[in-house]
Amino acid sequence: MYPDESSRDPTSPIQRWNGATPLVMTGIVFVMVVMDLIRYGFHAPRHDEDNADHIAILLMFGQIPIVVSFLWSGRKEIKRIATVFIAQVAFWFMTYVLALQ
């Protein structure tokens, strides 16, 4: 039993809006990067001017307050939310590494 059982959220961390939303947002950016690589290859000219680039920037940086909300709301159950947070960070890392190719 947890000492403060009444404040523990019974919802799975991945089913919370602030647990799943960053994963979906990163997934969208990941697909955009993969499509860009398919279209232009690894030696595509680097640009930051089209709509897709601006959408990707908004999606990646827009996740920061959501993830902070996720961490703040789950601060008392860090062991439960750790797997979702690690998945979010790993997905970010994969997306940035792929985008830098």
Protein backbone atom coordinates (compact mmCIF):
# COMPACT_ATOMS: atom_id res chain seq x y z
CA MET A 1 0.00 0.00 0.00
CA TYR A 2 1.09 3.52 -0.71
CA PRO A 3 1.06 6.02 2.14
CA ASP A 4 -1.06 8.47 0.17
CA GLU A 5 -3.27 6.06 -1.77
CA SER A 6 -6.05 8.62 -2.25
CA SER A 7 -3.88 10.90 -4.40
CA ARG A 8 -2.61 8.11 -6.65
CA ASP A 9 -4.10 8.24 -10.15
CA PRO A 10 -5.38 4.79 -11.20
CA THR A 11 -5.03 5.69 -14.89
CA SER A 12 -2.05 4.22 -16.69
CA PRO A 13 0.57 6.91 -17.44
CA ILE A 14 0.37 6.24 -21.20
CA GLN A 15 -3.41 6.77 -21.12
CA ARG A 16 -3.13 10.24 -19.61
CA TRP A 17 -3.35 13.14 -22.05
CA ASN A 18 0.03 14.49 -20.98
CA GLY A 19 1.64 11.06 -21.24
CA ALA A 20 0.46 10.17 -24.74
CA THR A 21 0.39 13.57 -26.45
CA PRO A 22 4.18 14.10 -26.59
CA LEU A 23 4.63 10.61 -28.05
CA VAL A 24 2.07 11.37 -30.77
CA MET A 25 3.65 14.76 -31.48
CA THR A 26 7.13 13.24 -31.79
CA GLY A 27 5.69 10.46 -33.95
CA ILE A 28 4.33 13.04 -36.38
CA VAL A 29 7.72 14.76 -36.59
CA PHE A 30 9.47 11.40 -36.99
CA VAL A 31 7.24 10.54 -39.95
CA MET A 32 7.89 13.98 -41.46
CA VAL A 33 11.67 13.45 -41.16
CA VAL A 34 11.47 9.96 -42.66
CA MET A 35 9.36 11.25 -45.57
CA ASP A 36 11.92 14.02 -46.16
CA LEU A 37 14.72 11.45 -46.18
CA ILE A 38 12.81 9.24 -48.61
CA ARG A 39 12.14 12.20 -50.87
CA TYR A 40 15.61 13.81 -50.82
CA GLY A 41 17.99 11.25 -49.33
CA PHE A 42 20.65 11.81 -46.70
CA HIS A 43 22.35 14.59 -48.65
CA ALA A 44 19.37 16.88 -49.01
CA PRO A 45 20.02 20.60 -48.80
CA ARG A 46 19.33 21.90 -45.30
CA HIS A 47 16.60 24.45 -45.12
CA ASP A 48 14.33 25.98 -42.56
CA GLU A 49 11.81 27.77 -44.66
CA ASP A 50 8.90 25.54 -45.59
CA ASN A 51 5.75 24.82 -43.62
CA ALA A 52 6.82 21.31 -42.64
CA ASP A 53 9.90 22.65 -40.88
CA HIS A 54 7.88 25.19 -38.94
CA ILE A 55 5.29 22.59 -37.95
CA ALA A 56 8.05 20.24 -36.79
CA ILE A 57 9.64 22.98 -34.68
CA LEU A 58 6.30 23.83 -33.08
CA LEU A 59 5.55 20.18 -32.36
CA MET A 60 8.94 19.42 -30.82
CA PHE A 61 9.20 22.54 -28.67
CA GLY A 62 5.48 22.52 -27.86
CA GLN A 63 5.99 19.25 -26.02
CA ILE A 64 8.16 20.78 -23.32
CA PRO A 65 5.32 22.26 -21.22
CA ILE A 66 3.27 19.07 -21.70
CA VAL A 67 6.12 16.88 -20.47
CA VAL A 68 6.71 19.22 -17.53
CA SER A 69 3.00 18.86 -16.71
CA PHE A 70 3.33 15.08 -16.96
CA LEU A 71 6.32 15.04 -14.62
CA TRP A 72 4.69 17.44 -12.17
CA SER A 73 1.40 15.50 -12.02
CA GLY A 74 3.26 12.20 -11.55
CA ARG A 75 5.93 13.40 -9.15
CA LYS A 76 4.56 11.19 -6.35
CA GLU A 77 4.59 8.09 -8.53
CA ILE A 78 7.84 8.52 -10.42
CA LYS A 79 8.39 4.76 -10.77
CA ARG A 80 5.06 4.41 -12.62
CA ILE A 81 5.68 7.26 -15.04
CA ALA A 82 9.38 6.53 -15.61
CA THR A 83 8.82 4.17 -18.56
CA VAL A 84 6.66 6.69 -20.41
CA PHE A 85 9.13 9.49 -19.74
CA ILE A 86 12.06 7.34 -20.91
CA ALA A 87 10.12 6.46 -24.07
CA GLN A 88 9.47 10.16 -24.70
CA VAL A 89 13.14 11.09 -24.31
CA ALA A 90 14.29 8.13 -26.44
CA PHE A 91 11.84 9.07 -29.20
CA TRP A 92 13.07 12.68 -29.09
CA PHE A 93 16.65 11.48 -29.35
CA MET A 94 15.88 9.18 -32.30
CA THR A 95 14.08 11.99 -34.12
CA TYR A 96 16.87 14.51 -33.62
CA VAL A 97 19.56 12.03 -34.64
CA LEU A 98 17.62 11.09 -37.77
CA ALA A 99 17.01 14.75 -38.59
CA LEU A 100 20.72 15.54 -38.36
CA GLN A 101 21.65 12.93 -40.96
